[in-house]
N, C-alpha and C. Protein backbone atom coordinates (compact mmCIF):
# COMPACT_ATOMS: atom_id res chain seq x y z
N UNK A 1 33.72 15.76 -96.50
CA UNK A 1 34.81 16.91 -97.16
C UNK A 1 33.87 17.89 -97.96
N UNK A 2 34.66 19.18 -98.17
CA UNK A 2 34.05 19.99 -98.78
C UNK A 2 35.28 20.82 -99.46
N UNK A 3 35.26 21.75 -100.48
CA UNK A 3 36.36 22.07 -100.56
C UNK A 3 36.28 23.66 -100.77
N UNK A 4 37.46 24.45 -101.30
CA UNK A 4 37.52 25.98 -100.35
C UNK A 4 36.57 26.38 -100.64
N UNK A 5 35.55 26.44 -101.61
CA UNK A 5 34.24 26.57 -102.21
C UNK A 5 32.86 26.27 -101.33
N UNK A 6 33.14 25.15 -101.13
CA UNK A 6 31.95 25.13 -99.54
C UNK A 6 31.33 23.49 -100.63
N UNK A 7 31.91 23.34 -101.84
CA UNK A 7 30.67 22.82 -102.44
C UNK A 7 31.28 20.93 -102.15
N UNK A 8 30.64 19.99 -102.04
CA UNK A 8 31.46 18.35 -101.76
C UNK A 8 32.03 18.08 -103.37
N UNK A 9 33.50 17.25 -102.47
CA UNK A 9 34.58 17.42 -102.83
C UNK A 9 34.50 14.81 -102.63
N UNK A 10 34.72 14.44 -103.48
CA UNK A 10 35.66 13.74 -102.88
C UNK A 10 35.94 13.29 -101.82
N UNK A 11 35.49 12.29 -101.21
CA UNK A 11 36.06 11.07 -99.94
C UNK A 11 37.40 11.41 -99.68
N UNK A 12 37.45 10.66 -100.80
CA UNK A 12 39.13 10.30 -100.66
C UNK A 12 39.88 10.48 -101.96
N UNK A 13 40.39 11.91 -102.32
CA UNK A 13 40.82 12.16 -103.43
C UNK A 13 42.42 11.55 -102.86
N UNK A 14 42.69 11.73 -104.87
CA UNK A 14 43.65 11.01 -105.60
C UNK A 14 44.81 11.69 -104.81
N UNK A 15 46.10 11.25 -105.00
CA UNK A 15 47.42 11.71 -104.30
C UNK A 15 47.39 13.28 -105.07
N UNK A 16 46.72 13.19 -106.72
CA UNK A 16 46.93 14.93 -107.22
C UNK A 16 44.99 15.21 -106.82
N UNK A 17 44.83 15.58 -106.37
CA UNK A 17 43.59 15.84 -106.43
C UNK A 17 43.99 16.79 -104.89
N UNK A 18 44.59 15.48 -103.81
CA UNK A 18 44.84 16.03 -102.51
C UNK A 18 46.26 17.63 -102.52
N UNK A 19 46.79 16.92 -103.37
CA UNK A 19 47.75 18.05 -103.44
C UNK A 19 47.30 19.77 -103.96
N UNK A 20 46.98 19.22 -105.17
CA UNK A 20 45.69 20.58 -105.76
C UNK A 20 44.66 21.24 -104.59
N UNK A 21 44.23 20.46 -103.96
CA UNK A 21 43.40 20.83 -103.12
C UNK A 21 44.00 21.87 -101.80
N UNK A 22 45.14 21.15 -101.44
CA UNK A 22 45.98 21.77 -100.49
C UNK A 22 46.78 23.16 -100.84
N UNK A 23 47.74 23.01 -101.32
CA UNK A 23 47.10 24.67 -102.29
C UNK A 23 46.84 25.45 -102.06
N UNK A 24 45.04 24.86 -102.46
CA UNK A 24 44.26 25.96 -102.49
C UNK A 24 43.79 26.21 -101.32
N UNK A 25 43.77 25.11 -100.43
CA UNK A 25 42.81 26.10 -98.55
C UNK A 25 44.23 26.54 -98.69
N UNK A 26 46.34 26.37 -98.65
CA UNK A 26 47.29 26.86 -97.97
C UNK A 26 47.14 28.67 -98.30
N UNK A 27 47.16 28.71 -99.73
CA UNK A 27 46.87 30.01 -100.48
C UNK A 27 45.79 30.21 -99.25
N UNK A 28 44.18 30.39 -100.07
CA UNK A 28 43.50 30.99 -98.86
C UNK A 28 43.40 31.34 -97.74
N UNK A 29 44.69 30.21 -96.18
CA UNK A 29 44.87 30.73 -96.00
C UNK A 29 45.99 31.65 -95.35
N UNK A 30 46.63 32.15 -95.72
CA UNK A 30 47.95 32.70 -96.05
C UNK A 30 47.29 34.38 -96.53
N UNK A 31 45.98 33.74 -97.33
CA UNK A 31 45.53 35.26 -97.93
C UNK A 31 44.16 36.18 -96.21
N UNK A 32 44.51 35.66 -95.67
CA UNK A 32 43.40 35.46 -94.48
C UNK A 32 41.74 35.14 -94.94
N UNK A 33 41.36 34.03 -95.48
CA UNK A 33 40.30 33.67 -95.98
C UNK A 33 39.80 32.56 -95.61
N UNK A 34 40.73 31.88 -94.72
CA UNK A 34 40.43 30.76 -94.48
C UNK A 34 41.12 30.90 -92.87
N UNK A 35 40.29 30.40 -92.21
CA UNK A 35 40.78 30.59 -90.65
C UNK A 35 41.49 29.18 -90.13
N UNK A 36 42.18 29.83 -89.13
CA UNK A 36 43.09 27.96 -88.98
C UNK A 36 41.89 26.56 -88.16
N UNK A 37 40.79 27.27 -87.52
CA UNK A 37 40.08 26.14 -86.99
C UNK A 37 38.94 25.95 -88.32
N UNK A 38 38.70 26.36 -89.60
CA UNK A 38 38.26 26.13 -90.75
C UNK A 38 39.30 25.44 -91.38
N UNK A 39 39.95 25.68 -91.95
CA UNK A 39 41.83 24.80 -92.44
C UNK A 39 42.04 23.40 -91.21
N UNK A 40 41.83 23.41 -89.83
CA UNK A 40 42.09 22.48 -89.52
C UNK A 40 41.15 20.88 -89.45
N UNK A 41 40.02 21.66 -89.77
CA UNK A 41 38.94 21.17 -90.12
C UNK A 41 38.79 20.30 -91.24
N UNK A 42 39.07 20.70 -92.52
CA UNK A 42 39.75 20.03 -93.44
C UNK A 42 41.08 19.60 -93.49
N UNK A 43 41.96 19.86 -93.45
CA UNK A 43 43.10 18.86 -93.50
C UNK A 43 43.17 17.96 -91.69
N UNK A 44 42.43 18.00 -91.11
CA UNK A 44 41.57 16.60 -90.44
C UNK A 44 41.05 15.85 -91.56
N UNK A 45 40.21 15.81 -92.58
CA UNK A 45 39.33 15.14 -92.91
C UNK A 45 40.02 14.92 -93.76
N UNK A 46 41.51 15.26 -95.14
CA UNK A 46 42.19 15.06 -96.02
C UNK A 46 42.75 13.92 -95.51
N UNK A 47 43.89 14.58 -94.18
CA UNK A 47 44.96 12.99 -93.79
C UNK A 47 44.14 11.77 -93.03
N UNK A 48 42.82 11.81 -93.36
CA UNK A 48 42.16 10.78 -92.68
C UNK A 48 42.16 9.33 -94.31
N UNK A 49 42.82 9.97 -94.99
CA UNK A 49 42.85 8.66 -96.53
C UNK A 49 44.76 9.11 -96.29
N UNK A 50 45.34 7.74 -96.72
CA UNK A 50 47.16 7.70 -96.94
C UNK A 50 46.85 8.91 -98.35
N UNK A 51 46.12 9.20 -99.05
CA UNK A 51 46.67 9.82 -100.39
C UNK A 51 46.15 11.02 -100.30
N UNK A 52 45.60 11.41 -99.25
CA UNK A 52 44.93 12.41 -98.79
C UNK A 52 45.87 13.38 -97.79
N UNK A 53 46.02 12.07 -97.54
CA UNK A 53 47.96 13.01 -96.52
C UNK A 53 49.09 12.78 -97.00
N UNK A 54 49.13 12.25 -98.49
CA UNK A 54 50.72 12.29 -98.81
C UNK A 54 50.28 13.71 -99.58
N UNK A 55 49.11 13.72 -100.19
CA UNK A 55 49.05 14.82 -101.13
C UNK A 55 49.09 16.29 -100.18
N UNK A 56 48.80 16.26 -98.77
CA UNK A 56 49.09 17.40 -98.33
C UNK A 56 50.38 17.47 -97.53
N UNK A 57 51.51 16.53 -97.37
CA UNK A 57 52.66 16.55 -97.00
C UNK A 57 53.78 17.42 -97.80
N UNK A 58 53.10 16.24 -99.47
CA UNK A 58 54.16 16.08 -100.06
C UNK A 58 53.90 18.31 -100.26
N UNK A 59 52.81 19.68 -100.56
CA UNK A 59 53.07 20.56 -100.34
C UNK A 59 52.88 21.39 -99.78
N UNK A 60 53.16 20.70 -97.99
CA UNK A 60 52.95 21.83 -96.96
C UNK A 60 53.99 21.80 -96.49
N UNK A 61 55.00 20.59 -96.73
CA UNK A 61 56.58 20.50 -96.24
C UNK A 61 57.23 20.28 -97.24
N UNK A 62 57.21 20.54 -98.02
CA UNK A 62 58.21 21.11 -99.21
C UNK A 62 57.84 22.28 -100.57
N UNK A 63 56.66 22.93 -99.75
CA UNK A 63 56.20 23.80 -100.17
C UNK A 63 56.63 25.38 -99.48
N UNK A 64 56.30 26.94 -100.60
CA UNK A 64 56.68 28.18 -99.99
C UNK A 64 55.75 28.76 -98.64
N UNK A 65 54.33 27.70 -98.47
CA UNK A 65 54.01 28.23 -97.49
C UNK A 65 54.56 27.97 -95.76
N UNK A 66 54.33 29.26 -95.07
CA UNK A 66 54.80 28.98 -93.71
C UNK A 66 53.66 28.42 -93.04
N UNK A 67 52.35 27.82 -93.68
CA UNK A 67 52.05 26.85 -92.43
C UNK A 67 53.10 25.80 -91.65
N UNK A 68 53.91 24.32 -91.97
CA UNK A 68 54.36 23.55 -91.19
C UNK A 68 55.92 24.93 -90.72
N UNK A 69 55.84 26.09 -90.93
CA UNK A 69 56.76 26.92 -89.87
C UNK A 69 56.35 27.57 -88.79
N UNK A 70 55.01 27.44 -88.49
CA UNK A 70 54.01 28.55 -87.31
C UNK A 70 52.63 27.87 -88.23
N UNK A 71 52.81 26.32 -87.62
CA UNK A 71 51.73 24.94 -87.49
C UNK A 71 51.14 25.74 -86.04
N UNK A 72 49.77 26.45 -86.15
CA UNK A 72 48.54 27.27 -85.50
C UNK A 72 48.20 25.96 -84.74
N UNK A 73 47.50 25.72 -83.51
CA UNK A 73 47.67 25.09 -83.02
C UNK A 73 46.07 24.33 -83.16
N UNK A 74 45.38 24.63 -83.19
CA UNK A 74 44.16 23.63 -84.28
C UNK A 74 44.76 22.82 -85.23
N UNK A 75 45.01 23.15 -86.44
CA UNK A 75 46.25 22.36 -87.27
C UNK A 75 46.79 21.18 -86.64
N UNK A 76 47.67 21.74 -85.65
CA UNK A 76 48.30 20.74 -85.10
C UNK A 76 47.51 20.23 -83.99
N UNK A 77 46.73 20.47 -83.91
CA UNK A 77 45.84 18.92 -83.35
C UNK A 77 44.89 17.92 -84.48
N UNK A 78 44.89 18.57 -85.91
CA UNK A 78 44.15 17.99 -85.82
C UNK A 78 45.09 17.27 -86.44
N UNK A 79 46.17 16.82 -86.72
CA UNK A 79 46.95 15.94 -87.20
C UNK A 79 47.75 15.18 -86.20
N UNK A 80 47.61 16.01 -85.18
CA UNK A 80 47.42 14.84 -84.18
C UNK A 80 46.63 13.49 -84.17
N UNK A 81 45.53 14.20 -83.61
CA UNK A 81 44.22 13.25 -84.16
C UNK A 81 44.46 12.42 -84.76
N UNK A 82 45.27 13.05 -86.27
CA UNK A 82 44.43 11.47 -87.58
C UNK A 82 45.47 10.70 -87.43
N UNK A 83 46.58 10.05 -85.85
CA UNK A 83 46.44 8.70 -85.38
C UNK A 83 48.07 8.66 -86.20
N UNK A 84 48.44 7.31 -86.38
CA UNK A 84 49.47 6.75 -86.95
C UNK A 84 49.79 6.89 -88.71
N UNK A 85 48.73 7.49 -89.82
CA UNK A 85 49.18 7.12 -90.45
C UNK A 85 49.73 8.46 -90.66
N UNK A 86 49.31 9.54 -90.35
CA UNK A 86 50.89 10.33 -89.60
C UNK A 86 51.58 10.45 -90.25
N UNK A 87 52.15 10.14 -88.87
CA UNK A 87 52.92 9.56 -87.99
C UNK A 87 54.04 8.65 -89.07
N UNK A 88 53.30 7.68 -89.45
CA UNK A 88 54.62 7.05 -90.39
C UNK A 88 55.03 8.06 -91.53
N UNK A 89 54.37 8.61 -91.96
CA UNK A 89 54.69 9.44 -93.02
C UNK A 89 55.61 11.05 -92.78
N UNK A 90 55.23 11.74 -91.21
CA UNK A 90 56.47 12.12 -91.13
C UNK A 90 57.50 11.82 -90.58
N UNK A 91 57.67 10.49 -90.82
CA UNK A 91 58.29 10.15 -90.08
C UNK A 91 59.40 9.60 -91.46
N UNK A 92 58.47 8.85 -92.42
CA UNK A 92 59.32 8.81 -93.52
C UNK A 92 59.19 10.04 -94.78
N UNK A 93 59.00 10.97 -94.38
CA UNK A 93 59.58 12.07 -94.50
C UNK A 93 60.16 12.64 -94.07
N UNK A 94 60.64 12.92 -93.04
CA UNK A 94 61.74 12.88 -92.13
C UNK A 94 63.35 11.92 -92.63
N UNK A 95 63.48 10.64 -93.27
CA UNK A 95 64.30 9.70 -93.38
C UNK A 95 64.33 10.25 -95.21
N UNK A 96 63.76 10.71 -95.95
CA UNK A 96 63.56 10.83 -97.46
C UNK A 96 64.42 12.11 -97.87
N UNK A 97 64.06 13.56 -96.66
CA UNK A 97 64.40 14.76 -96.82
C UNK A 97 66.16 14.89 -96.46
N UNK A 98 65.99 14.39 -95.05
CA UNK A 98 67.74 13.87 -94.23
C UNK A 98 68.80 13.07 -95.55
N UNK A 99 68.13 12.26 -95.93
CA UNK A 99 69.21 12.01 -97.09
C UNK A 99 68.93 12.70 -98.39
N UNK A 100 68.15 13.17 -98.78
CA UNK A 100 68.67 13.65 -99.98
C UNK A 100 69.10 15.35 -99.83
N UNK A 101 69.30 15.85 -98.49
CA UNK A 101 70.09 16.46 -98.19
C UNK A 101 71.28 16.21 -98.48
N UNK A 102 71.93 15.88 -97.93
CA UNK A 102 73.05 15.06 -98.55
C UNK A 102 73.63 14.46 -99.25
N UNK A 103 72.67 14.31 -100.43
CA UNK A 103 72.76 13.66 -101.56
C UNK A 103 72.92 15.22 -102.43
N UNK A 104 72.15 15.70 -101.74
CA UNK A 104 72.56 16.77 -102.62
C UNK A 104 73.80 18.19 -102.44
N UNK A 105 74.00 17.93 -100.66
CA UNK A 105 75.18 18.80 -100.50
C UNK A 105 76.43 17.67 -101.30
N UNK A 106 76.60 16.58 -101.62
CA UNK A 106 77.92 15.65 -102.15
C UNK A 106 77.19 16.05 -103.43
N UNK A 107 76.27 16.87 -104.50
CA UNK A 107 76.68 17.02 -105.78
C UNK A 107 76.83 18.30 -105.70
N UNK A 108 76.70 19.74 -104.81
CA UNK A 108 76.71 20.72 -104.79
C UNK A 108 75.53 21.47 -105.16
N UNK A 109 74.55 21.01 -105.48
CA UNK A 109 73.63 21.45 -105.10
C UNK A 109 73.10 22.71 -104.31
N UNK A 110 73.64 23.22 -103.35
CA UNK A 110 73.31 23.83 -102.84
C UNK A 110 71.66 24.10 -102.13
N UNK A 111 70.62 24.82 -103.11
CA UNK A 111 69.57 25.69 -103.45
C UNK A 111 68.49 24.46 -103.43
N UNK A 112 68.33 23.06 -103.57
CA UNK A 112 68.24 21.40 -103.59
C UNK A 112 68.99 21.29 -101.84
N UNK A 113 69.38 21.30 -101.77
CA UNK A 113 69.87 21.03 -100.42
C UNK A 113 69.00 21.56 -98.95
N UNK A 114 69.30 22.65 -99.52
CA UNK A 114 68.31 23.96 -98.60
C UNK A 114 66.90 23.55 -97.86
N UNK A 115 66.54 23.17 -99.64
CA UNK A 115 64.88 22.71 -99.54
C UNK A 115 64.43 21.27 -98.74
N UNK A 116 65.72 20.98 -99.10
CA UNK A 116 65.80 19.20 -97.96
C UNK A 116 65.96 19.50 -97.04
N UNK A 117 66.87 20.32 -96.38
CA UNK A 117 66.61 21.06 -94.86
C UNK A 117 65.29 21.01 -93.87
N UNK A 118 65.02 22.00 -95.38
CA UNK A 118 63.75 22.89 -94.76
C UNK A 118 62.80 22.03 -94.36
N UNK A 119 62.26 20.52 -95.62
CA UNK A 119 61.26 19.59 -94.82
C UNK A 119 61.65 18.48 -93.90
N UNK A 120 62.98 18.28 -93.92
CA UNK A 120 63.86 18.09 -92.70
C UNK A 120 63.63 18.83 -91.28
N UNK A 121 63.68 19.70 -90.92
CA UNK A 121 63.56 20.58 -89.74
C UNK A 121 61.54 20.45 -89.87
N UNK A 122 60.47 20.76 -90.73
CA UNK A 122 59.84 21.30 -90.61
C UNK A 122 59.16 19.21 -90.19
N UNK A 123 59.52 17.93 -90.35
CA UNK A 123 59.14 16.51 -89.83
C UNK A 123 59.80 16.61 -89.20
N UNK A 124 60.67 17.35 -88.13
CA UNK A 124 60.89 17.44 -86.70
C UNK A 124 60.53 18.23 -85.71
N UNK A 125 59.97 18.97 -86.45
CA UNK A 125 59.20 20.28 -85.45
C UNK A 125 57.16 19.34 -85.43
N UNK A 126 57.70 18.88 -86.61
CA UNK A 126 55.66 17.91 -86.66
C UNK A 126 56.07 16.96 -85.97
N UNK A 127 56.95 16.09 -85.67
CA UNK A 127 57.51 14.79 -85.20
C UNK A 127 56.95 15.63 -83.41
N UNK A 128 57.93 15.86 -83.43
CA UNK A 128 57.91 16.43 -81.61
C UNK A 128 56.06 16.95 -81.19
N UNK A 129 55.43 17.55 -81.81
CA UNK A 129 54.05 17.57 -82.05
C UNK A 129 52.51 16.65 -81.80
N UNK A 130 53.04 15.96 -82.56
CA UNK A 130 52.52 14.56 -82.46
C UNK A 130 51.93 13.41 -81.11
N UNK A 131 51.32 12.67 -81.20
CA UNK A 131 51.21 11.42 -80.48
C UNK A 131 52.63 10.74 -80.07
N UNK A 132 53.40 11.28 -78.37
CA UNK A 132 54.59 11.18 -78.36
C UNK A 132 54.46 9.65 -78.41
N UNK A 133 53.92 8.35 -78.08
CA UNK A 133 54.25 6.88 -77.75
C UNK A 133 54.13 6.71 -79.28
N UNK A 134 52.88 6.83 -79.79
CA UNK A 134 53.15 6.70 -81.96
C UNK A 134 54.53 7.30 -82.32
N UNK A 135 54.38 8.11 -81.79
CA UNK A 135 56.34 8.97 -82.95
C UNK A 135 57.17 7.76 -82.15
N UNK A 136 56.69 8.13 -80.88
CA UNK A 136 58.02 7.19 -80.35
C UNK A 136 58.36 5.24 -80.89
N UNK A 137 57.14 4.77 -80.90
CA UNK A 137 57.41 3.66 -81.65
C UNK A 137 57.86 4.09 -83.27
N UNK A 138 57.52 4.54 -83.86
CA UNK A 138 57.28 5.08 -85.06
C UNK A 138 58.54 4.86 -85.62
N UNK A 139 59.40 5.92 -84.22
CA UNK A 139 61.62 6.75 -85.35
C UNK A 139 62.25 5.70 -84.45
N UNK A 140 61.52 3.76 -83.42
CA UNK A 140 62.23 3.54 -83.27
C UNK A 140 62.59 1.70 -84.18
N UNK A 141 61.25 1.73 -84.47
CA UNK A 141 61.71 1.19 -86.13
C UNK A 141 62.34 1.71 -87.19
N UNK A 142 62.56 2.88 -87.47
CA UNK A 142 63.21 3.37 -88.33
C UNK A 142 64.87 3.11 -87.39
N UNK A 143 64.95 3.34 -86.60
CA UNK A 143 66.31 4.12 -86.09
C UNK A 143 66.57 2.38 -86.44
N UNK A 144 66.32 1.57 -85.95
CA UNK A 144 66.93 0.44 -86.24
C UNK A 144 66.99 -0.20 -87.62
N UNK A 145 66.26 0.53 -88.60
CA UNK A 145 66.66 0.15 -90.34
C UNK A 145 67.67 0.51 -90.18
N UNK A 146 68.10 1.90 -89.48
CA UNK A 146 69.61 2.56 -89.85
C UNK A 146 70.80 1.00 -90.06
N UNK A 147 70.47 -0.17 -89.25
CA UNK A 147 71.29 -0.16 -88.39
C UNK A 147 71.37 -1.68 -89.09
N UNK A 148 70.52 -1.98 -90.29
CA UNK A 148 69.45 -2.75 -90.62
C UNK A 148 69.01 -4.01 -90.44
N UNK A 149 68.00 -3.18 -89.56
CA UNK A 149 67.23 -4.51 -88.23
C UNK A 149 65.59 -3.86 -89.17
N UNK A 150 64.98 -5.02 -88.82
CA UNK A 150 63.58 -4.43 -88.60
C UNK A 150 62.52 -4.44 -89.53
N UNK A 151 61.29 -4.00 -89.89
CA UNK A 151 60.28 -3.44 -90.71
C UNK A 151 61.12 -2.78 -91.72
N UNK A 152 61.39 -1.51 -91.17
CA UNK A 152 61.65 -0.19 -92.91
C UNK A 152 63.15 -0.71 -92.63
N UNK A 153 63.54 -1.80 -92.88
CA UNK A 153 65.84 -2.02 -94.14
C UNK A 153 64.71 -1.96 -95.67
N UNK A 154 63.48 -2.62 -95.84
CA UNK A 154 62.85 -2.96 -96.89
C UNK A 154 62.61 -0.88 -97.27
N UNK A 155 61.95 -0.14 -96.90
CA UNK A 155 61.74 0.75 -97.20
C UNK A 155 63.89 2.09 -97.08
N UNK A 156 64.15 1.92 -96.75
CA UNK A 156 65.35 2.26 -96.63
C UNK A 156 66.12 1.45 -97.96
N UNK A 157 66.70 0.84 -97.94
CA UNK A 157 66.74 -0.41 -99.20
C UNK A 157 66.53 0.11 -100.59
N UNK A 158 65.09 0.01 -100.65
CA UNK A 158 63.88 0.26 -101.91
C UNK A 158 64.51 2.24 -102.49
N UNK A 159 64.69 3.22 -101.39
CA UNK A 159 65.26 4.54 -102.24
C UNK A 159 67.10 4.53 -102.00
N UNK A 160 67.53 3.19 -101.42
CA UNK A 160 68.92 3.52 -102.57
C UNK A 160 70.42 3.88 -101.17
N UNK A 161 69.58 4.45 -99.88
CA UNK A 161 70.00 4.74 -99.52
C UNK A 161 72.02 3.93 -98.48
N UNK A 162 72.76 5.36 -99.34
CA UNK A 162 74.19 4.35 -98.46
C UNK A 162 74.40 4.60 -97.09
N UNK A 163 75.52 3.83 -96.31
CA UNK A 163 75.51 4.38 -95.30
C UNK A 163 75.84 5.15 -94.28
N UNK A 164 76.17 6.20 -95.22
CA UNK A 164 76.54 7.59 -94.40
C UNK A 164 75.32 8.35 -94.76
N UNK A 165 74.07 8.14 -95.61
CA UNK A 165 72.42 8.27 -95.34
C UNK A 165 72.21 8.19 -94.70
N UNK A 166 71.76 6.62 -94.21
CA UNK A 166 71.45 5.84 -92.84
C UNK A 166 72.30 6.04 -91.74
N UNK A 167 73.18 7.14 -91.44
CA UNK A 167 73.75 7.36 -90.30
C UNK A 167 73.12 8.61 -90.07
N UNK A 168 73.17 9.87 -90.64
CA UNK A 168 72.54 10.59 -91.06
C UNK A 168 70.83 10.50 -90.40
N UNK A 169 70.24 9.57 -90.78
CA UNK A 169 69.06 9.46 -90.77
C UNK A 169 68.61 9.43 -89.01
N UNK A 170 69.71 8.47 -88.80
CA UNK A 170 69.86 7.59 -87.45
C UNK A 170 69.82 8.88 -86.57
N UNK A 171 70.68 10.10 -86.51
CA UNK A 171 70.89 11.31 -86.37
C UNK A 171 69.85 12.38 -86.39
N UNK A 172 68.86 11.90 -87.08
CA UNK A 172 67.48 13.13 -87.22
C UNK A 172 66.99 12.56 -86.85
N UNK A 173 66.92 10.68 -86.90
CA UNK A 173 65.80 10.70 -85.35
C UNK A 173 66.05 10.92 -83.59
N UNK A 174 67.23 10.61 -83.64
CA UNK A 174 68.03 10.85 -82.49
C UNK A 174 67.36 12.62 -82.52
N UNK A 175 67.78 13.54 -83.05
CA UNK A 175 67.43 14.36 -82.74
C UNK A 175 66.00 15.30 -82.79
N UNK A 176 64.93 14.40 -82.78
CA UNK A 176 63.49 14.42 -82.99
C UNK A 176 63.26 14.92 -81.35
N UNK A 177 63.52 13.46 -80.59
CA UNK A 177 63.79 13.81 -79.35
C UNK A 177 65.12 13.91 -78.20
N UNK A 178 65.69 15.41 -79.30
CA UNK A 178 66.73 15.63 -77.87
C UNK A 178 65.45 17.20 -77.92
N UNK A 179 64.76 17.84 -79.37
CA UNK A 179 63.83 18.64 -78.91
C UNK A 179 62.76 18.83 -77.80
């Protein structure tokens, strides 16, 4: 993997490094200094590791960059080619952003609610672009957990989501298929 200047970087960056690398690349891309194709190559390498993917999604989904709002085809293809890890993180981010949007609505924090809703929309759109069979399987697992069944129950319990948040997550999962 190379950094934005072309020099060698760690093959498997830490979560923090991945966030920093992503922010740098998105800045260059927004300024027109990095093509869609080069960005796609770099993103494809970055999301090859769990921490790299986590760092990428924190910045790309929650940040102000328009990348995830108008995902270039080469970047979408790179994410789709990355496989189950990207599908898993996208599904988890869909669940977390959905639950947090409800939490922020309850606490009257419209700004944070809007941010969580933006992440939710970006996750929904991304999941629609990823490998359909992988997405279907991953979302079925998440949907089952909202009803107290399966592998993702521990994930939902770890975050302490209540019944209303779980119901909202179930709606968000079903909305992916409606698109």
